[in-house]
Amino acid sequence: ADALSKATNSVIVDTRGSVVILTDKRTWD
């Protein structure tokens, strides 16, 4: 999740078990 977030300039919303939820910075902001 950290690697994906850094490489795509996105925000980690949550990691539960083996699932990662990411969103783009614009939506998060």
mmCIF file of all heavy atoms, coordinates in Angstrom:
data_MODEL
# 
_entry.id   MODEL 
# 
loop_
_atom_site.group_PDB 
_atom_site.id 
_atom_site.type_symbol 
_atom_site.label_atom_id 
_atom_site.label_alt_id 
_atom_site.label_comp_id 
_atom_site.label_asym_id 
_atom_site.label_entity_id 
_atom_site.label_seq_id 
_atom_site.pdbx_PDB_ins_code 
_atom_site.Cartn_x 
_atom_site.Cartn_y 
_atom_site.Cartn_z 
_atom_site.occupancy 
_atom_site.B_iso_or_equiv 
_atom_site.pdbx_formal_charge 
_atom_site.auth_seq_id 
_atom_site.auth_comp_id 
_atom_site.auth_asym_id 
_atom_site.auth_atom_id 
_atom_site.pdbx_PDB_model_num 
ATOM 1   N N   . ALA A 1 1  ? 0.834   -1.204  0.000   1.00 0.00 ? 1  ALA A N   1 
ATOM 2   C CA  . ALA A 1 1  ? 0.000   0.000   0.000   1.00 0.00 ? 1  ALA A CA  1 
ATOM 3   C C   . ALA A 1 1  ? 0.869   1.255   0.000   1.00 0.00 ? 1  ALA A C   1 
ATOM 4   O O   . ALA A 1 1  ? 0.591   2.207   -0.744  1.00 0.00 ? 1  ALA A O   1 
ATOM 5   C CB  . ALA A 1 1  ? -0.926  0.001   1.211   1.00 0.00 ? 1  ALA A CB  1 
ATOM 6   N N   . ASP A 1 2  ? 1.912   1.278   0.802   1.00 0.00 ? 2  ASP A N   1 
ATOM 7   C CA  . ASP A 1 2  ? 2.819   2.433   0.836   1.00 0.00 ? 2  ASP A CA  1 
ATOM 8   C C   . ASP A 1 2  ? 3.488   2.657   -0.515  1.00 0.00 ? 2  ASP A C   1 
ATOM 9   O O   . ASP A 1 2  ? 3.575   3.791   -0.990  1.00 0.00 ? 2  ASP A O   1 
ATOM 10  C CB  . ASP A 1 2  ? 3.886   2.245   1.918   1.00 0.00 ? 2  ASP A CB  1 
ATOM 11  C CG  . ASP A 1 2  ? 3.329   2.363   3.324   1.00 0.00 ? 2  ASP A CG  1 
ATOM 12  O OD1 . ASP A 1 2  ? 2.258   2.984   3.500   1.00 0.00 ? 2  ASP A OD1 1 
ATOM 13  O OD2 . ASP A 1 2  ? 3.960   1.814   4.249   1.00 0.00 ? 2  ASP A OD2 1 
ATOM 14  N N   . ALA A 1 3  ? 3.961   1.581   -1.131  1.00 0.00 ? 3  ALA A N   1 
ATOM 15  C CA  . ALA A 1 3  ? 4.637   1.698   -2.418  1.00 0.00 ? 3  ALA A CA  1 
ATOM 16  C C   . ALA A 1 3  ? 3.680   2.190   -3.501  1.00 0.00 ? 3  ALA A C   1 
ATOM 17  O O   . ALA A 1 3  ? 4.036   3.057   -4.314  1.00 0.00 ? 3  ALA A O   1 
ATOM 18  C CB  . ALA A 1 3  ? 5.235   0.352   -2.818  1.00 0.00 ? 3  ALA A CB  1 
ATOM 19  N N   . LEU A 1 4  ? 2.457   1.665   -3.515  1.00 0.00 ? 4  LEU A N   1 
ATOM 20  C CA  . LEU A 1 4  ? 1.460   2.093   -4.504  1.00 0.00 ? 4  LEU A CA  1 
ATOM 21  C C   . LEU A 1 4  ? 1.094   3.557   -4.312  1.00 0.00 ? 4  LEU A C   1 
ATOM 22  O O   . LEU A 1 4  ? 0.966   4.313   -5.274  1.00 0.00 ? 4  LEU A O   1 
ATOM 23  C CB  . LEU A 1 4  ? 0.210   1.218   -4.417  1.00 0.00 ? 4  LEU A CB  1 
ATOM 24  C CG  . LEU A 1 4  ? 0.350   -0.214  -4.904  1.00 0.00 ? 4  LEU A CG  1 
ATOM 25  C CD1 . LEU A 1 4  ? -0.894  -1.013  -4.551  1.00 0.00 ? 4  LEU A CD1 1 
ATOM 26  C CD2 . LEU A 1 4  ? 0.611   -0.263  -6.394  1.00 0.00 ? 4  LEU A CD2 1 
ATOM 27  N N   . SER A 1 5  ? 0.937   3.952   -3.070  1.00 0.00 ? 5  SER A N   1 
ATOM 28  C CA  . SER A 1 5  ? 0.561   5.328   -2.763  1.00 0.00 ? 5  SER A CA  1 
ATOM 29  C C   . SER A 1 5  ? 1.644   6.310   -3.205  1.00 0.00 ? 5  SER A C   1 
ATOM 30  O O   . SER A 1 5  ? 1.350   7.341   -3.799  1.00 0.00 ? 5  SER A O   1 
ATOM 31  C CB  . SER A 1 5  ? 0.294   5.465   -1.263  1.00 0.00 ? 5  SER A CB  1 
ATOM 32  O OG  . SER A 1 5  ? 0.061   6.792   -0.923  1.00 0.00 ? 5  SER A OG  1 
ATOM 33  N N   . LYS A 1 6  ? 2.892   5.999   -2.897  1.00 0.00 ? 6  LYS A N   1 
ATOM 34  C CA  . LYS A 1 6  ? 3.999   6.886   -3.274  1.00 0.00 ? 6  LYS A CA  1 
ATOM 35  C C   . LYS A 1 6  ? 4.167   6.964   -4.780  1.00 0.00 ? 6  LYS A C   1 
ATOM 36  O O   . LYS A 1 6  ? 4.403   8.040   -5.333  1.00 0.00 ? 6  LYS A O   1 
ATOM 37  C CB  . LYS A 1 6  ? 5.295   6.410   -2.624  1.00 0.00 ? 6  LYS A CB  1 
ATOM 38  C CG  . LYS A 1 6  ? 5.345   6.665   -1.136  1.00 0.00 ? 6  LYS A CG  1 
ATOM 39  C CD  . LYS A 1 6  ? 6.611   6.124   -0.524  1.00 0.00 ? 6  LYS A CD  1 
ATOM 40  C CE  . LYS A 1 6  ? 6.559   6.275   0.988   1.00 0.00 ? 6  LYS A CE  1 
ATOM 41  N NZ  . LYS A 1 6  ? 7.703   5.605   1.626   1.00 0.00 ? 6  LYS A NZ  1 
ATOM 42  N N   . ALA A 1 7  ? 4.045   5.835   -5.453  1.00 0.00 ? 7  ALA A N   1 
ATOM 43  C CA  . ALA A 1 7  ? 4.279   5.802   -6.897  1.00 0.00 ? 7  ALA A CA  1 
ATOM 44  C C   . ALA A 1 7  ? 3.175   6.491   -7.690  1.00 0.00 ? 7  ALA A C   1 
ATOM 45  O O   . ALA A 1 7  ? 3.430   7.023   -8.771  1.00 0.00 ? 7  ALA A O   1 
ATOM 46  C CB  . ALA A 1 7  ? 4.422   4.361   -7.370  1.00 0.00 ? 7  ALA A CB  1 
ATOM 47  N N   . THR A 1 8  ? 1.958   6.495   -7.157  1.00 0.00 ? 8  THR A N   1 
ATOM 48  C CA  . THR A 1 8  ? 0.835   7.060   -7.907  1.00 0.00 ? 8  THR A CA  1 
ATOM 49  C C   . THR A 1 8  ? 0.338   8.372   -7.327  1.00 0.00 ? 8  THR A C   1 
ATOM 50  O O   . THR A 1 8  ? -0.653  8.913   -7.803  1.00 0.00 ? 8  THR A O   1 
ATOM 51  C CB  . THR A 1 8  ? -0.336  6.065   -7.948  1.00 0.00 ? 8  THR A CB  1 
ATOM 52  O OG1 . THR A 1 8  ? -0.735  5.758   -6.611  1.00 0.00 ? 8  THR A OG1 1 
ATOM 53  C CG2 . THR A 1 8  ? 0.051   4.801   -8.688  1.00 0.00 ? 8  THR A CG2 1 
ATOM 54  N N   . ASN A 1 9  ? 0.994   8.855   -6.279  1.00 0.00 ? 9  ASN A N   1 
ATOM 55  C CA  . ASN A 1 9  ? 0.596   10.112  -5.638  1.00 0.00 ? 9  ASN A CA  1 
ATOM 56  C C   . ASN A 1 9  ? -0.866  10.062  -5.182  1.00 0.00 ? 9  ASN A C   1 
ATOM 57  O O   . ASN A 1 9  ? -1.647  10.966  -5.439  1.00 0.00 ? 9  ASN A O   1 
ATOM 58  C CB  . ASN A 1 9  ? 0.843   11.298  -6.568  1.00 0.00 ? 9  ASN A CB  1 
ATOM 59  C CG  . ASN A 1 9  ? 0.874   12.607  -5.819  1.00 0.00 ? 9  ASN A CG  1 
ATOM 60  O OD1 . ASN A 1 9  ? 1.152   12.640  -4.617  1.00 0.00 ? 9  ASN A OD1 1 
ATOM 61  N ND2 . ASN A 1 9  ? 0.581   13.688  -6.506  1.00 0.00 ? 9  ASN A ND2 1 
ATOM 62  N N   . SER A 1 10 ? -1.213  8.961   -4.523  1.00 0.00 ? 10 SER A N   1 
ATOM 63  C CA  . SER A 1 10 ? -2.574  8.768   -4.039  1.00 0.00 ? 10 SER A CA  1 
ATOM 64  C C   . SER A 1 10 ? -2.570  8.661   -2.514  1.00 0.00 ? 10 SER A C   1 
ATOM 65  O O   . SER A 1 10 ? -1.514  8.689   -1.888  1.00 0.00 ? 10 SER A O   1 
ATOM 66  C CB  . SER A 1 10 ? -3.182  7.512   -4.658  1.00 0.00 ? 10 SER A CB  1 
ATOM 67  O OG  . SER A 1 10 ? -2.395  6.380   -4.366  1.00 0.00 ? 10 SER A OG  1 
ATOM 68  N N   . VAL A 1 11 ? -3.764  8.517   -1.927  1.00 0.00 ? 11 VAL A N   1 
ATOM 69  C CA  . VAL A 1 11 ? -3.915  8.461   -0.479  1.00 0.00 ? 11 VAL A CA  1 
ATOM 70  C C   . VAL A 1 11 ? -4.413  7.075   -0.085  1.00 0.00 ? 11 VAL A C   1 
ATOM 71  O O   . VAL A 1 11 ? -5.368  6.557   -0.680  1.00 0.00 ? 11 VAL A O   1 
ATOM 72  C CB  . VAL A 1 11 ? -4.930  9.528   -0.002  1.00 0.00 ? 11 VAL A CB  1 
ATOM 73  C CG1 . VAL A 1 11 ? -5.162  9.438   1.487   1.00 0.00 ? 11 VAL A CG1 1 
ATOM 74  C CG2 . VAL A 1 11 ? -4.450  10.915  -0.388  1.00 0.00 ? 11 VAL A CG2 1 
ATOM 75  N N   . ILE A 1 12 ? -3.769  6.499   0.925   1.00 0.00 ? 12 ILE A N   1 
ATOM 76  C CA  . ILE A 1 12 ? -4.241  5.219   1.465   1.00 0.00 ? 12 ILE A CA  1 
ATOM 77  C C   . ILE A 1 12 ? -5.407  5.523   2.386   1.00 0.00 ? 12 ILE A C   1 
ATOM 78  O O   . ILE A 1 12 ? -5.245  6.190   3.400   1.00 0.00 ? 12 ILE A O   1 
ATOM 79  C CB  . ILE A 1 12 ? -3.130  4.499   2.258   1.00 0.00 ? 12 ILE A CB  1 
ATOM 80  C CG1 . ILE A 1 12 ? -1.912  4.249   1.396   1.00 0.00 ? 12 ILE A CG1 1 
ATOM 81  C CG2 . ILE A 1 12 ? -3.663  3.196   2.848   1.00 0.00 ? 12 ILE A CG2 1 
ATOM 82  C CD1 . ILE A 1 12 ? -0.700  3.775   2.166   1.00 0.00 ? 12 ILE A CD1 1 
ATOM 83  N N   . VAL A 1 13 ? -6.573  5.032   2.038   1.00 0.00 ? 13 VAL A N   1 
ATOM 84  C CA  . VAL A 1 13 ? -7.742  5.239   2.873   1.00 0.00 ? 13 VAL A CA  1 
ATOM 85  C C   . VAL A 1 13 ? -7.764  4.206   3.982   1.00 0.00 ? 13 VAL A C   1 
ATOM 86  O O   . VAL A 1 13 ? -7.968  4.532   5.147   1.00 0.00 ? 13 VAL A O   1 
ATOM 87  C CB  . VAL A 1 13 ? -9.045  5.164   2.040   1.00 0.00 ? 13 VAL A CB  1 
ATOM 88  C CG1 . VAL A 1 13 ? -10.255 5.334   2.930   1.00 0.00 ? 13 VAL A CG1 1 
ATOM 89  C CG2 . VAL A 1 13 ? -9.034  6.200   0.948   1.00 0.00 ? 13 VAL A CG2 1 
ATOM 90  N N   . ASP A 1 14 ? -7.515  2.935   3.612   1.00 0.00 ? 14 ASP A N   1 
ATOM 91  C CA  . ASP A 1 14 ? -7.557  1.880   4.618   1.00 0.00 ? 14 ASP A CA  1 
ATOM 92  C C   . ASP A 1 14 ? -6.882  0.625   4.081   1.00 0.00 ? 14 ASP A C   1 
ATOM 93  O O   . ASP A 1 14 ? -6.859  0.390   2.881   1.00 0.00 ? 14 ASP A O   1 
ATOM 94  C CB  . ASP A 1 14 ? -9.005  1.556   4.984   1.00 0.00 ? 14 ASP A CB  1 
ATOM 95  C CG  . ASP A 1 14 ? -9.132  0.808   6.301   1.00 0.00 ? 14 ASP A CG  1 
ATOM 96  O OD1 . ASP A 1 14 ? -8.160  0.783   7.079   1.00 0.00 ? 14 ASP A OD1 1 
ATOM 97  O OD2 . ASP A 1 14 ? -10.209 0.255   6.559   1.00 0.00 ? 14 ASP A OD2 1 
ATOM 98  N N   . THR A 1 15 ? -6.316  -0.160  4.997   1.00 0.00 ? 15 THR A N   1 
ATOM 99  C CA  . THR A 1 15 ? -5.835  -1.501  4.675   1.00 0.00 ? 15 THR A CA  1 
ATOM 100 C C   . THR A 1 15 ? -6.439  -2.434  5.708   1.00 0.00 ? 15 THR A C   1 
ATOM 101 O O   . THR A 1 15 ? -6.260  -2.240  6.909   1.00 0.00 ? 15 THR A O   1 
ATOM 102 C CB  . THR A 1 15 ? -4.298  -1.603  4.724   1.00 0.00 ? 15 THR A CB  1 
ATOM 103 O OG1 . THR A 1 15 ? -3.847  -1.195  6.002   1.00 0.00 ? 15 THR A OG1 1 
ATOM 104 C CG2 . THR A 1 15 ? -3.649  -0.758  3.675   1.00 0.00 ? 15 THR A CG2 1 
ATOM 105 N N   . ARG A 1 16 ? -7.174  -3.410  5.242   1.00 0.00 ? 16 ARG A N   1 
ATOM 106 C CA  . ARG A 1 16 ? -7.785  -4.408  6.129   1.00 0.00 ? 16 ARG A CA  1 
ATOM 107 C C   . ARG A 1 16 ? -7.501  -5.779  5.574   1.00 0.00 ? 16 ARG A C   1 
ATOM 108 O O   . ARG A 1 16 ? -7.915  -6.098  4.468   1.00 0.00 ? 16 ARG A O   1 
ATOM 109 C CB  . ARG A 1 16 ? -9.291  -4.201  6.226   1.00 0.00 ? 16 ARG A CB  1 
ATOM 110 C CG  . ARG A 1 16 ? -9.646  -2.944  6.940   1.00 0.00 ? 16 ARG A CG  1 
ATOM 111 C CD  . ARG A 1 16 ? -11.107 -2.887  7.233   1.00 0.00 ? 16 ARG A CD  1 
ATOM 112 N NE  . ARG A 1 16 ? -11.409 -1.573  7.805   1.00 0.00 ? 16 ARG A NE  1 
ATOM 113 C CZ  . ARG A 1 16 ? -12.566 -1.250  8.301   1.00 0.00 ? 16 ARG A CZ  1 
ATOM 114 N NH1 . ARG A 1 16 ? -13.549 -2.120  8.293   1.00 0.00 ? 16 ARG A NH1 1 
ATOM 115 N NH2 . ARG A 1 16 ? -12.762 -0.050  8.806   1.00 0.00 ? 16 ARG A NH2 1 
ATOM 116 N N   . GLY A 1 17 ? -6.797  -6.566  6.370   1.00 0.00 ? 17 GLY A N   1 
ATOM 117 C CA  . GLY A 1 17 ? -6.445  -7.898  5.902   1.00 0.00 ? 17 GLY A CA  1 
ATOM 118 C C   . GLY A 1 17 ? -5.583  -7.794  4.664   1.00 0.00 ? 17 GLY A C   1 
ATOM 119 O O   . GLY A 1 17 ? -4.485  -7.255  4.691   1.00 0.00 ? 17 GLY A O   1 
ATOM 120 N N   . SER A 1 18 ? -6.100  -8.290  3.556   1.00 0.00 ? 18 SER A N   1 
ATOM 121 C CA  . SER A 1 18 ? -5.343  -8.255  2.311   1.00 0.00 ? 18 SER A CA  1 
ATOM 122 C C   . SER A 1 18 ? -5.951  -7.289  1.294   1.00 0.00 ? 18 SER A C   1 
ATOM 123 O O   . SER A 1 18 ? -5.692  -7.394  0.108   1.00 0.00 ? 18 SER A O   1 
ATOM 124 C CB  . SER A 1 18 ? -5.281  -9.663  1.716   1.00 0.00 ? 18 SER A CB  1 
ATOM 125 O OG  . SER A 1 18 ? -6.587  -10.119 1.444   1.00 0.00 ? 18 SER A OG  1 
ATOM 126 N N   . VAL A 1 19 ? -6.754  -6.356  1.762   1.00 0.00 ? 19 VAL A N   1 
ATOM 127 C CA  . VAL A 1 19 ? -7.399  -5.396  0.876   1.00 0.00 ? 19 VAL A CA  1 
ATOM 128 C C   . VAL A 1 19 ? -6.884  -3.989  1.164   1.00 0.00 ? 19 VAL A C   1 
ATOM 129 O O   . VAL A 1 19 ? -6.792  -3.572  2.307   1.00 0.00 ? 19 VAL A O   1 
ATOM 130 C CB  . VAL A 1 19 ? -8.938  -5.440  1.042   1.00 0.00 ? 19 VAL A CB  1 
ATOM 131 C CG1 . VAL A 1 19 ? -9.606  -4.393  0.189   1.00 0.00 ? 19 VAL A CG1 1 
ATOM 132 C CG2 . VAL A 1 19 ? -9.468  -6.821  0.713   1.00 0.00 ? 19 VAL A CG2 1 
ATOM 133 N N   . VAL A 1 20 ? -6.566  -3.268  0.088   1.00 0.00 ? 20 VAL A N   1 
ATOM 134 C CA  . VAL A 1 20 ? -6.092  -1.889  0.178   1.00 0.00 ? 20 VAL A CA  1 
ATOM 135 C C   . VAL A 1 20 ? -7.078  -1.009  -0.575  1.00 0.00 ? 20 VAL A C   1 
ATOM 136 O O   . VAL A 1 20 ? -7.488  -1.345  -1.687  1.00 0.00 ? 20 VAL A O   1 
ATOM 137 C CB  . VAL A 1 20 ? -4.692  -1.741  -0.463  1.00 0.00 ? 20 VAL A CB  1 
ATOM 138 C CG1 . VAL A 1 20 ? -4.230  -0.297  -0.411  1.00 0.00 ? 20 VAL A CG1 1 
ATOM 139 C CG2 . VAL A 1 20 ? -3.696  -2.655  0.205   1.00 0.00 ? 20 VAL A CG2 1 
ATOM 140 N N   . ILE A 1 21 ? -7.460  0.105   0.042   1.00 0.00 ? 21 ILE A N   1 
ATOM 141 C CA  . ILE A 1 21 ? -8.338  1.056   -0.626  1.00 0.00 ? 21 ILE A CA  1 
ATOM 142 C C   . ILE A 1 21 ? -7.567  2.361   -0.789  1.00 0.00 ? 21 ILE A C   1 
ATOM 143 O O   . ILE A 1 21 ? -7.084  2.930   0.182   1.00 0.00 ? 21 ILE A O   1 
ATOM 144 C CB  . ILE A 1 21 ? -9.628  1.281   0.171   1.00 0.00 ? 21 ILE A CB  1 
ATOM 145 C CG1 . ILE A 1 21 ? -10.380 -0.035  0.286   1.00 0.00 ? 21 ILE A CG1 1 
ATOM 146 C CG2 . ILE A 1 21 ? -10.493 2.352   -0.491  1.00 0.00 ? 21 ILE A CG2 1 
ATOM 147 C CD1 . ILE A 1 21 ? -11.553 -0.003  1.211   1.00 0.00 ? 21 ILE A CD1 1 
ATOM 148 N N   . LEU A 1 22 ? -7.462  2.795   -2.052  1.00 0.00 ? 22 LEU A N   1 
ATOM 149 C CA  . LEU A 1 22 ? -6.745  4.020   -2.390  1.00 0.00 ? 22 LEU A CA  1 
ATOM 150 C C   . LEU A 1 22 ? -7.698  5.000   -3.057  1.00 0.00 ? 22 LEU A C   1 
ATOM 151 O O   . LEU A 1 22 ? -8.649  4.591   -3.727  1.00 0.00 ? 22 LEU A O   1 
ATOM 152 C CB  . LEU A 1 22 ? -5.594  3.732   -3.355  1.00 0.00 ? 22 LEU A CB  1 
ATOM 153 C CG  . LEU A 1 22 ? -4.449  2.877   -2.853  1.00 0.00 ? 22 LEU A CG  1 
ATOM 154 C CD1 . LEU A 1 22 ? -3.488  2.579   -3.995  1.00 0.00 ? 22 LEU A CD1 1 
ATOM 155 C CD2 . LEU A 1 22 ? -3.703  3.562   -1.745  1.00 0.00 ? 22 LEU A CD2 1 
ATOM 156 N N   . THR A 1 23 ? -7.424  6.277   -2.883  1.00 0.00 ? 23 THR A N   1 
ATOM 157 C CA  . THR A 1 23 ? -8.162  7.314   -3.591  1.00 0.00 ? 23 THR A CA  1 
ATOM 158 C C   . THR A 1 23 ? -7.175  8.360   -4.077  1.00 0.00 ? 23 THR A C   1 
ATOM 159 O O   . THR A 1 23 ? -6.062  8.466   -3.540  1.00 0.00 ? 23 THR A O   1 
ATOM 160 C CB  . THR A 1 23 ? -9.245  7.954   -2.696  1.00 0.00 ? 23 THR A CB  1 
ATOM 161 O OG1 . THR A 1 23 ? -10.058 8.817   -3.485  1.00 0.00 ? 23 THR A OG1 1 
ATOM 162 C CG2 . THR A 1 23 ? -8.648  8.723   -1.549  1.00 0.00 ? 23 THR A CG2 1 
ATOM 163 N N   . ASP A 1 24 ? -7.579  9.117   -5.072  1.00 0.00 ? 24 ASP A N   1 
ATOM 164 C CA  . ASP A 1 24 ? -6.685  10.155  -5.566  1.00 0.00 ? 24 ASP A CA  1 
ATOM 165 C C   . ASP A 1 24 ? -6.704  11.351  -4.614  1.00 0.00 ? 24 ASP A C   1 
ATOM 166 O O   . ASP A 1 24 ? -7.635  11.543  -3.851  1.00 0.00 ? 24 ASP A O   1 
ATOM 167 C CB  . ASP A 1 24 ? -7.035  10.566  -6.992  1.00 0.00 ? 24 ASP A CB  1 
ATOM 168 C CG  . ASP A 1 24 ? -8.426  11.145  -7.122  1.00 0.00 ? 24 ASP A CG  1 
ATOM 169 O OD1 . ASP A 1 24 ? -9.253  10.891  -6.248  1.00 0.00 ? 24 ASP A OD1 1 
ATOM 170 O OD2 . ASP A 1 24 ? -8.675  11.841  -8.123  1.00 0.00 ? 24 ASP A OD2 1 
ATOM 171 N N   . LYS A 1 25 ? -5.650  12.139  -4.651  1.00 0.00 ? 25 LYS A N   1 
ATOM 172 C CA  . LYS A 1 25 ? -5.517  13.274  -3.722  1.00 0.00 ? 25 LYS A CA  1 
ATOM 173 C C   . LYS A 1 25 ? -6.634  14.290  -3.900  1.00 0.00 ? 25 LYS A C   1 
ATOM 174 O O   . LYS A 1 25 ? -7.096  14.888  -2.943  1.00 0.00 ? 25 LYS A O   1 
ATOM 175 C CB  . LYS A 1 25 ? -4.160  13.943  -3.894  1.00 0.00 ? 25 LYS A CB  1 
ATOM 176 C CG  . LYS A 1 25 ? -3.040  13.185  -3.250  1.00 0.00 ? 25 LYS A CG  1 
ATOM 177 C CD  . LYS A 1 25 ? -1.853  14.087  -3.056  1.00 0.00 ? 25 LYS A CD  1 
ATOM 178 C CE  . LYS A 1 25 ? -0.700  13.353  -2.446  1.00 0.00 ? 25 LYS A CE  1 
ATOM 179 N NZ  . LYS A 1 25 ? -0.811  13.202  -1.024  1.00 0.00 ? 25 LYS A NZ  1 
ATOM 180 N N   . ARG A 1 26 ? -7.071  14.497  -5.125  1.00 0.00 ? 26 ARG A N   1 
ATOM 181 C CA  . ARG A 1 26 ? -8.116  15.487  -5.388  1.00 0.00 ? 26 ARG A CA  1 
ATOM 182 C C   . ARG A 1 26 ? -9.415  15.112  -4.668  1.00 0.00 ? 26 ARG A C   1 
ATOM 183 O O   . ARG A 1 26 ? -10.044 15.951  -4.040  1.00 0.00 ? 26 ARG A O   1 
ATOM 184 C CB  . ARG A 1 26 ? -8.348  15.593  -6.891  1.00 0.00 ? 26 ARG A CB  1 
ATOM 185 C CG  . ARG A 1 26 ? -9.366  16.633  -7.273  1.00 0.00 ? 26 ARG A CG  1 
ATOM 186 C CD  . ARG A 1 26 ? -9.502  16.718  -8.751  1.00 0.00 ? 26 ARG A CD  1 
ATOM 187 N NE  . ARG A 1 26 ? -9.819  15.388  -9.285  1.00 0.00 ? 26 ARG A NE  1 
ATOM 188 C CZ  . ARG A 1 26 ? -10.238 15.172  -10.512 1.00 0.00 ? 26 ARG A CZ  1 
ATOM 189 N NH1 . ARG A 1 26 ? -10.349 16.161  -11.349 1.00 0.00 ? 26 ARG A NH1 1 
ATOM 190 N NH2 . ARG A 1 26 ? -10.511 13.964  -10.917 1.00 0.00 ? 26 ARG A NH2 1 
ATOM 191 N N   . THR A 1 27 ? -9.800  13.846  -4.740  1.00 0.00 ? 27 THR A N   1 
ATOM 192 C CA  . THR A 1 27 ? -11.014 13.392  -4.057  1.00 0.00 ? 27 THR A CA  1 
ATOM 193 C C   . THR A 1 27 ? -10.849 13.500  -2.549  1.00 0.00 ? 27 THR A C   1 
ATOM 194 O O   . THR A 1 27 ? -11.752 13.955  -1.849  1.00 0.00 ? 27 THR A O   1 
ATOM 195 C CB  . THR A 1 27 ? -11.335 11.931  -4.446  1.00 0.00 ? 27 THR A CB  1 
ATOM 196 O OG1 . THR A 1 27 ? -11.476 11.861  -5.860  1.00 0.00 ? 27 THR A OG1 1 
ATOM 197 C CG2 . THR A 1 27 ? -12.600 11.446  -3.779  1.00 0.00 ? 27 THR A CG2 1 
ATOM 198 N N   . TRP A 1 28 ? -9.705  13.094  -2.045  1.00 0.00 ? 28 TRP A N   1 
ATOM 199 C CA  . TRP A 1 28 ? -9.445  13.145  -0.604  1.00 0.00 ? 28 TRP A CA  1 
ATOM 200 C C   . TRP A 1 28 ? -9.503  14.585  -0.096  1.00 0.00 ? 28 TRP A C   1 
ATOM 201 O O   . TRP A 1 28 ? -10.136 14.877  0.910   1.00 0.00 ? 28 TRP A O   1 
ATOM 202 C CB  . TRP A 1 28 ? -8.090  12.521  -0.296  1.00 0.00 ? 28 TRP A CB  1 
ATOM 203 C CG  . TRP A 1 28 ? -7.742  12.559  1.151   1.00 0.00 ? 28 TRP A CG  1 
ATOM 204 C CD1 . TRP A 1 28 ? -6.879  13.409  1.761   1.00 0.00 ? 28 TRP A CD1 1 
ATOM 205 C CD2 . TRP A 1 28 ? -8.280  11.728  2.187   1.00 0.00 ? 28 TRP A CD2 1 
ATOM 206 N NE1 . TRP A 1 28 ? -6.831  13.156  3.105   1.00 0.00 ? 28 TRP A NE1 1 
ATOM 207 C CE2 . TRP A 1 28 ? -7.681  12.126  3.392   1.00 0.00 ? 28 TRP A CE2 1 
ATOM 208 C CE3 . TRP A 1 28 ? -9.191  10.677  2.202   1.00 0.00 ? 28 TRP A CE3 1 
ATOM 209 C CZ2 . TRP A 1 28 ? -7.973  11.514  4.605   1.00 0.00 ? 28 TRP A CZ2 1 
ATOM 210 C CZ3 . TRP A 1 28 ? -9.473  10.075  3.412   1.00 0.00 ? 28 TRP A CZ3 1 
ATOM 211 C CH2 . TRP A 1 28 ? -8.875  10.489  4.593   1.00 0.00 ? 28 TRP A CH2 1 
ATOM 212 N N   . ASP A 1 29 ? -8.844  15.484  -0.812  1.00 0.00 ? 29 ASP A N   1 
ATOM 213 C CA  . ASP A 1 29 ? -8.831  16.893  -0.398  1.00 0.00 ? 29 ASP A CA  1 
ATOM 214 C C   . ASP A 1 29 ? -10.227 17.510  -0.447  1.00 0.00 ? 29 ASP A C   1 
ATOM 215 O O   . ASP A 1 29 ? -10.614 18.249  0.455   1.00 0.00 ? 29 ASP A O   1 
ATOM 216 C CB  . ASP A 1 29 ? -7.876  17.706  -1.272  1.00 0.00 ? 29 ASP A CB  1 
ATOM 217 C CG  . ASP A 1 29 ? -6.417  17.358  -1.019  1.00 0.00 ? 29 ASP A CG  1 
ATOM 218 O OD1 . ASP A 1 29 ? -6.117  16.770  0.047   1.00 0.00 ? 29 ASP A OD1 1 
ATOM 219 O OD2 . ASP A 1 29 ? -5.581  17.659  -1.894  1.00 0.00 ? 29 ASP A OD2 1 
# 
